[in-house]
């Protein structure tokens, strides 16, 4: 049964990273877009808001199957307070490295996100499912 959680987490990843991430949000998380469209220095770090919004959405989406499972099975949601911020931070950092620093490509980006999902699932299964 818990393998379905992992499958749904991967599905949530695909939905959030490819379907729900509108082209506007893709632009908003790129520093170069802000430099071109809004070159004023007061917008210098506004790309961070785009990174944060997408990373928050993604972190919640991949945890959603576990949240539902936890609620249905009366499992404490304490893990949620660590899982979402940790996944948010990692996702934002990886997207920044790809979109703004151009140090990794899409394959590496997605591989890291897949590892995030597997680790999140494993931690939940090993600690909370008895």
Foldseek 3Di string as FASTA:
>chain_A
DLVVLLVQLVVLLCCLVPPVCDPVLLLLLAQVSCCVPPVPVVCNPRSLVSLLVSLLSSQCSSCVSVVVVCVVVVWDPPVVVVSRVVSSVVLSVLCCCCRYVVPDHPVVSVVVNSVSSVVSSVVCCVPTPD
